Amino acid sequence: MRLILSRKGFDSSAGGCPSPRFPDGSVYALPIPDPRSRIRYREIRHQGLKVGDLVAELTGDPGRRRAGAHLDPDLIAEGYPRQPGWRPLLGQTGTAQSHLRNQGVDEGDLFLFFGLFRAAERSRQGWQFVKGSKPFHGLWGWLQIGEILKVDELGAEDLPWVRYHPHLHGAPDRNNTLYLASDCLSLAGRDSGLPGAGTFPAMTGDLRLTAPDAPSPTHWRLPAACFPGPDQTPLSYHHNRERWQRDGDHCRLRCAARGQEFVLDLDQYPDLMPWLQRLLLGS
């Protein structure tokens, strides 16, 4: 089984600001802009909020309401109108997809999605970031791969429910790939009782990747079991062992500023499974 730490959502380069952490501790990873997408920010909903308003207010750009949104990964059934048969899914292409393929990512492997977040609050002017708050990286959702499909191999009648997705609206691209969620999340060969994809209810505990004393969001604090031993292959894009430091029950990592998909072979890191179970199952 492979674990993929997958960077998704707004940041300073894609969107122009962090995604919000709400006063109740929950977060929402804002879909990045996409002029080719048929989905508009104003059409997306999250927990009673109009995402178009949220994006417009946090960025200070009212025109964002009408802009195209790259709703991907798409994990929340209530977020957008669906056709029968819809399943949570992720699309990937380009260098990032090549990296996933070269790392041997396959059915049964697990994506943990992380993004850049900052505390936000609602004022008379709408949603705004809390003054003095700092952005940080945190985990916000998961998807266990149930099926992998090449977009260019889909027939005109295949999967009518998926036609809304942004990865169906580009030019032909043999690297363009869809990852469909499994029906149920399985860990260590056992059914967890959770769906194969979903989002975490609140940004608490180990879901926060950035260390509390970090000078920037890319300075992470991870479980000690993540530290690469001499016979273990480090997390992809992080093979330089100078990026890693031991820190008691944790380890420190200077996360790569570039790259979307960071892959770890869990067969080499069996001691990491309790951490995953705690994140996903609360035990």
Protein backbone atom coordinates (compact mmCIF):
# COMPACT_ATOMS: atom_id res chain seq x y z
CA MET A 1 0.00 0.00 0.00
CA ARG A 2 1.25 3.46 -0.88
CA LEU A 3 0.40 6.71 0.85
CA ILE A 4 0.24 9.84 -1.31
CA LEU A 5 0.37 13.26 0.35
CA SER A 6 -1.37 15.31 -2.31
CA ARG A 7 -1.25 19.13 -2.35
CA LYS A 8 -4.64 20.55 -3.36
CA GLY A 9 -6.53 23.85 -2.99
CA PHE A 10 -5.74 27.56 -2.96
CA ASP A 11 -2.30 28.93 -2.15
CA SER A 12 -0.29 32.04 -3.03
CA SER A 13 0.28 30.90 -6.63
CA ALA A 14 -2.99 29.05 -7.34
CA GLY A 15 -5.83 31.29 -6.18
CA GLY A 16 -3.75 33.96 -4.50
CA CYS A 17 -4.49 33.24 -0.82
CA PRO A 18 -4.89 30.35 1.64
CA SER A 19 -8.12 28.43 2.11
CA PRO A 20 -10.15 29.27 5.24
CA ARG A 21 -10.12 27.65 8.64
CA PHE A 22 -13.48 28.59 10.12
CA PRO A 23 -14.10 29.60 13.74
CA ASP A 24 -15.52 26.13 14.57
CA GLY A 25 -12.23 24.50 13.52
CA SER A 26 -13.50 23.12 10.22
CA VAL A 27 -11.77 23.93 6.93
CA TYR A 28 -12.68 24.11 3.27
CA ALA A 29 -10.06 23.66 0.54
CA LEU A 30 -11.03 26.21 -2.10
CA PRO A 31 -10.91 24.76 -5.64
CA ILE A 32 -8.22 26.47 -7.71
CA PRO A 33 -9.20 28.72 -10.66
CA ASP A 34 -9.65 27.05 -14.04
CA PRO A 35 -10.86 29.09 -17.04
CA ARG A 36 -11.61 25.89 -18.99
CA SER A 37 -13.89 24.45 -16.32
CA ARG A 38 -17.66 24.54 -16.87
CA ILE A 39 -18.15 24.78 -13.10
CA ARG A 40 -18.50 28.30 -11.65
CA TYR A 41 -17.62 29.20 -8.09
CA ARG A 42 -21.13 30.58 -7.63
CA GLU A 43 -22.56 27.09 -8.32
CA ILE A 44 -20.65 25.38 -5.50
CA ARG A 45 -21.95 25.13 -1.94
CA HIS A 46 -20.28 24.18 1.32
CA GLN A 47 -22.18 23.75 4.58
CA GLY A 48 -24.73 26.39 3.66
CA LEU A 49 -22.10 28.81 2.31
CA LYS A 50 -21.93 30.01 -1.28
CA VAL A 51 -18.37 29.28 -2.31
CA GLY A 52 -18.51 32.10 -4.88
CA ASP A 53 -19.09 34.60 -2.08
CA LEU A 54 -16.38 33.01 0.04
CA VAL A 55 -13.79 33.25 -2.74
CA ALA A 56 -14.82 36.79 -3.71
CA GLU A 57 -14.60 38.06 -0.13
CA LEU A 58 -11.33 36.36 0.83
CA THR A 59 -9.58 37.47 -2.38
CA GLY A 60 -11.25 40.89 -2.61
CA ASP A 61 -12.25 40.11 -6.21
CA PRO A 62 -16.04 40.10 -6.84
CA GLY A 63 -15.47 38.74 -10.35
CA ARG A 64 -14.38 35.42 -8.90
CA ARG A 65 -18.03 34.44 -8.39
CA ARG A 66 -18.41 33.97 -12.15
CA ALA A 67 -14.97 32.41 -12.72
CA GLY A 68 -14.33 28.77 -13.56
CA ALA A 69 -13.45 26.48 -10.66
CA HIS A 70 -11.33 23.33 -10.82
CA LEU A 71 -13.46 21.23 -8.47
CA ASP A 72 -10.86 18.51 -8.03
CA PRO A 73 -10.54 16.43 -5.96
CA ASP A 74 -14.32 16.34 -5.73
CA LEU A 75 -15.19 14.61 -2.46
CA ILE A 76 -18.35 16.24 -1.08
CA ALA A 77 -21.59 14.97 -2.60
CA GLU A 78 -23.61 18.00 -1.48
CA GLY A 79 -21.16 20.51 -2.94
CA TYR A 80 -22.45 20.47 -6.51
CA PRO A 81 -25.46 19.07 -8.46
CA ARG A 82 -24.94 15.38 -9.24
CA GLN A 83 -26.18 12.80 -11.69
CA PRO A 84 -27.03 9.26 -10.53
CA GLY A 85 -23.99 7.08 -9.99
CA TRP A 86 -21.65 9.87 -8.85
CA ARG A 87 -18.56 8.81 -6.92
CA PRO A 88 -15.83 10.93 -5.31
CA LEU A 89 -12.86 11.26 -7.62
CA LEU A 90 -9.56 12.94 -8.42
CA GLY A 91 -8.15 13.88 -11.81
CA GLN A 92 -4.46 14.18 -12.55
CA THR A 93 -2.28 14.75 -15.61
CA GLY A 94 1.08 16.17 -16.68
CA THR A 95 4.22 15.77 -14.58
CA ALA A 96 2.23 14.95 -11.44
CA GLN A 97 0.47 12.01 -13.11
CA SER A 98 3.77 10.77 -14.54
CA HIS A 99 5.19 10.82 -11.02
CA LEU A 100 2.25 8.80 -9.66
CA ARG A 101 2.66 6.25 -12.43
CA ASN A 102 6.42 6.01 -11.95
CA GLN A 103 5.89 5.46 -8.22
CA GLY A 104 3.59 2.53 -8.96
CA VAL A 105 0.45 4.10 -7.49
CA ASP A 106 -2.45 1.67 -8.01
CA GLU A 107 -5.85 0.57 -6.75
CA GLY A 108 -5.96 0.34 -2.96
CA ASP A 109 -3.43 3.12 -2.43
CA LEU A 110 -4.44 6.08 -0.28
CA PHE A 111 -4.40 9.82 -1.03
CA LEU A 112 -4.28 12.20 1.93
CA PHE A 113 -4.98 15.70 0.65
CA PHE A 114 -3.26 18.68 2.23
CA GLY A 115 -3.50 22.40 1.57
CA LEU A 116 -2.62 25.84 2.83
CA PHE A 117 -5.04 27.26 5.40
CA ARG A 118 -5.43 30.38 7.52
CA ALA A 119 -7.90 31.32 10.24
CA ALA A 120 -10.89 33.25 8.86
CA GLU A 121 -13.84 35.03 10.43
CA ARG A 122 -17.04 36.68 9.27
CA SER A 123 -17.45 40.43 9.64
CA ARG A 124 -19.90 43.00 8.31
CA GLN A 125 -17.83 43.10 5.14
CA GLY A 126 -17.98 39.33 4.75
CA TRP A 127 -15.36 36.65 5.25
CA GLN A 128 -11.83 37.83 5.95
CA PHE A 129 -8.64 36.38 7.38
CA VAL A 130 -7.99 36.93 11.06
CA LYS A 131 -5.40 39.65 11.55
CA GLY A 132 -2.14 38.27 12.85
CA SER A 133 -2.99 34.67 11.98
CA LYS A 134 -0.43 32.67 10.04
CA PRO A 135 -0.99 30.27 7.15
CA PHE A 136 -0.19 26.60 7.70
CA HIS A 137 -0.33 23.28 5.90
CA GLY A 138 -2.93 20.77 7.05
CA LEU A 139 -4.61 17.56 5.95
CA TRP A 140 -8.23 18.00 4.89
CA GLY A 141 -9.44 14.85 3.13
CA TRP A 142 -8.73 11.36 1.84
CA LEU A 143 -9.42 9.11 -1.14
CA GLN A 144 -8.60 5.44 -1.41
CA ILE A 145 -8.28 4.38 -5.02
CA GLY A 146 -10.97 1.99 -6.20
CA GLU A 147 -10.51 2.36 -9.96
CA ILE A 148 -8.10 4.13 -12.32
CA LEU A 149 -9.35 5.31 -15.71
CA LYS A 150 -7.70 7.00 -18.68
CA VAL A 151 -9.87 9.89 -19.85
CA ASP A 152 -8.98 9.42 -23.52
CA GLU A 153 -10.16 5.80 -23.35
CA LEU A 154 -13.65 6.66 -22.12
CA GLY A 155 -16.36 6.18 -24.75
CA ALA A 156 -19.06 8.77 -25.36
CA GLU A 157 -21.57 6.70 -23.33
CA ASP A 158 -19.24 5.75 -20.49
CA LEU A 159 -19.86 7.22 -17.03
CA PRO A 160 -22.35 9.97 -17.90
CA TRP A 161 -22.15 11.23 -14.30
CA VAL A 162 -18.49 12.21 -14.74
CA ARG A 163 -18.99 14.57 -17.70
CA TYR A 164 -19.12 17.66 -15.46
CA HIS A 165 -15.57 17.11 -14.22
CA PRO A 166 -12.85 19.59 -15.35
CA HIS A 167 -10.59 16.78 -16.58
CA LEU A 168 -13.20 15.93 -19.24
CA HIS A 169 -13.10 19.40 -20.82
CA GLY A 170 -9.55 19.70 -22.12
CA ALA A 171 -7.77 18.64 -25.29
CA PRO A 172 -6.90 14.97 -25.85
CA ASP A 173 -4.15 13.98 -23.41
CA ARG A 174 -3.01 10.38 -23.02
CA ASN A 175 -1.70 11.20 -19.53
CA ASN A 176 -5.09 12.49 -18.31
CA THR A 177 -6.23 10.12 -15.57
CA LEU A 178 -9.16 9.74 -13.17
CA TYR A 179 -8.89 8.11 -9.76
CA LEU A 180 -12.31 6.92 -8.54
CA ALA A 181 -12.82 6.29 -4.84
CA SER A 182 -13.36 2.84 -3.44
CA ASP A 183 -16.72 2.14 -1.83
CA CYS A 184 -15.20 1.62 1.63
CA LEU A 185 -11.90 2.61 3.21
CA SER A 186 -9.73 -0.40 4.01
CA LEU A 187 -6.73 -0.16 6.34
CA ALA A 188 -4.36 -3.05 7.06
CA GLY A 189 -6.69 -5.31 5.08
CA ARG A 190 -9.74 -4.49 7.19
CA ASP A 191 -12.90 -2.57 6.35
CA SER A 192 -12.81 0.62 8.42
CA GLY A 193 -16.53 1.37 8.22
CA LEU A 194 -15.73 4.69 6.54
CA PRO A 195 -16.44 5.62 2.93
CA GLY A 196 -13.57 5.40 0.47
CA ALA A 197 -13.30 9.20 0.32
CA GLY A 198 -14.26 12.10 2.52
CA THR A 199 -13.18 15.20 4.40
CA PHE A 200 -12.14 15.62 8.03
CA PRO A 201 -14.68 17.44 10.22
CA ALA A 202 -12.13 19.75 11.89
CA MET A 203 -8.48 20.73 11.67
CA THR A 204 -7.22 19.25 14.93
CA GLY A 205 -4.25 17.30 16.29
CA ASP A 206 -2.10 15.49 13.76
CA LEU A 207 -4.04 16.91 10.82
CA ARG A 208 -1.91 20.04 11.12
CA LEU A 209 1.37 19.41 9.28
CA THR A 210 3.16 22.72 9.89
CA ALA A 211 5.07 22.68 13.19
CA PRO A 212 3.74 25.06 15.90
CA ASP A 213 7.02 26.96 15.98
CA ALA A 214 7.62 26.85 12.21
CA PRO A 215 9.04 29.93 10.44
CA SER A 216 6.99 29.04 7.33
CA PRO A 217 4.23 26.57 6.37
CA THR A 218 6.72 24.20 4.70
CA HIS A 219 8.43 23.33 8.00
CA TRP A 220 6.48 20.24 9.03
CA ARG A 221 6.29 18.15 12.19
CA LEU A 222 5.40 14.51 11.47
CA PRO A 223 5.27 11.27 13.47
CA ALA A 224 8.68 9.79 14.23
CA ALA A 225 7.67 6.76 12.15
CA CYS A 226 7.96 8.95 9.02
CA PHE A 227 11.70 9.43 9.55
CA PRO A 228 13.58 7.47 6.84
CA GLY A 229 16.00 4.91 8.21
CA PRO A 230 19.11 3.83 6.29
CA ASP A 231 17.22 1.03 4.49
CA GLN A 232 14.00 2.96 3.87
CA THR A 233 13.14 5.01 0.78
CA PRO A 234 12.13 8.52 1.90
CA LEU A 235 8.93 10.25 0.87
CA SER A 236 9.25 11.08 -2.83
CA TYR A 237 10.59 14.58 -3.61
CA HIS A 238 12.29 14.42 -0.19
CA HIS A 239 15.18 12.02 -0.77
CA ASN A 240 17.71 14.59 0.48
CA ARG A 241 18.13 13.40 4.05
CA GLU A 242 19.23 16.86 5.14
CA ARG A 243 15.55 17.78 4.92
CA TRP A 244 14.82 15.39 7.82
CA GLN A 245 15.54 15.73 11.54
CA ARG A 246 14.57 13.62 14.53
CA ASP A 247 12.55 15.39 17.23
CA GLY A 248 11.59 13.08 20.09
CA ASP A 249 8.23 11.46 19.33
CA HIS A 250 8.16 13.39 16.05
CA CYS A 251 10.41 14.24 13.15
CA ARG A 252 10.88 17.47 11.26
CA LEU A 253 10.71 17.84 7.48
CA ARG A 254 11.40 20.83 5.27
CA CYS A 255 8.69 20.12 2.72
CA ALA A 256 9.44 20.69 -0.96
CA ALA A 257 7.95 23.97 -2.13
CA ARG A 258 7.14 22.45 -5.52
CA GLY A 259 5.43 19.20 -6.48
CA GLN A 260 1.86 18.01 -5.98
CA GLU A 261 2.12 14.32 -5.17
CA PHE A 262 4.51 12.95 -2.50
CA VAL A 263 4.51 9.14 -2.35
CA LEU A 264 5.55 6.83 0.51
CA ASP A 265 5.70 3.02 0.34
CA LEU A 266 3.93 1.95 3.54
CA ASP A 267 5.37 -1.56 3.27
CA GLN A 268 8.66 0.06 4.31
CA TYR A 269 6.97 2.07 7.10
CA PRO A 270 4.69 -0.37 8.99
CA ASP A 271 4.99 1.68 12.19
CA LEU A 272 3.11 4.50 10.46
CA MET A 273 -0.17 2.55 10.34
CA PRO A 274 -1.27 3.49 13.90
CA TRP A 275 -0.91 7.16 12.96
CA LEU A 276 -3.08 6.65 9.89
CA GLN A 277 -5.67 4.77 11.92
CA ARG A 278 -5.72 7.58 14.48
CA LEU A 279 -6.19 10.21 11.76
CA LEU A 280 -8.94 8.40 9.93
CA LEU A 281 -10.64 6.35 12.63
CA GLY A 282 -9.90 8.39 15.74
CA SER A 283 -8.34 5.36 17.42
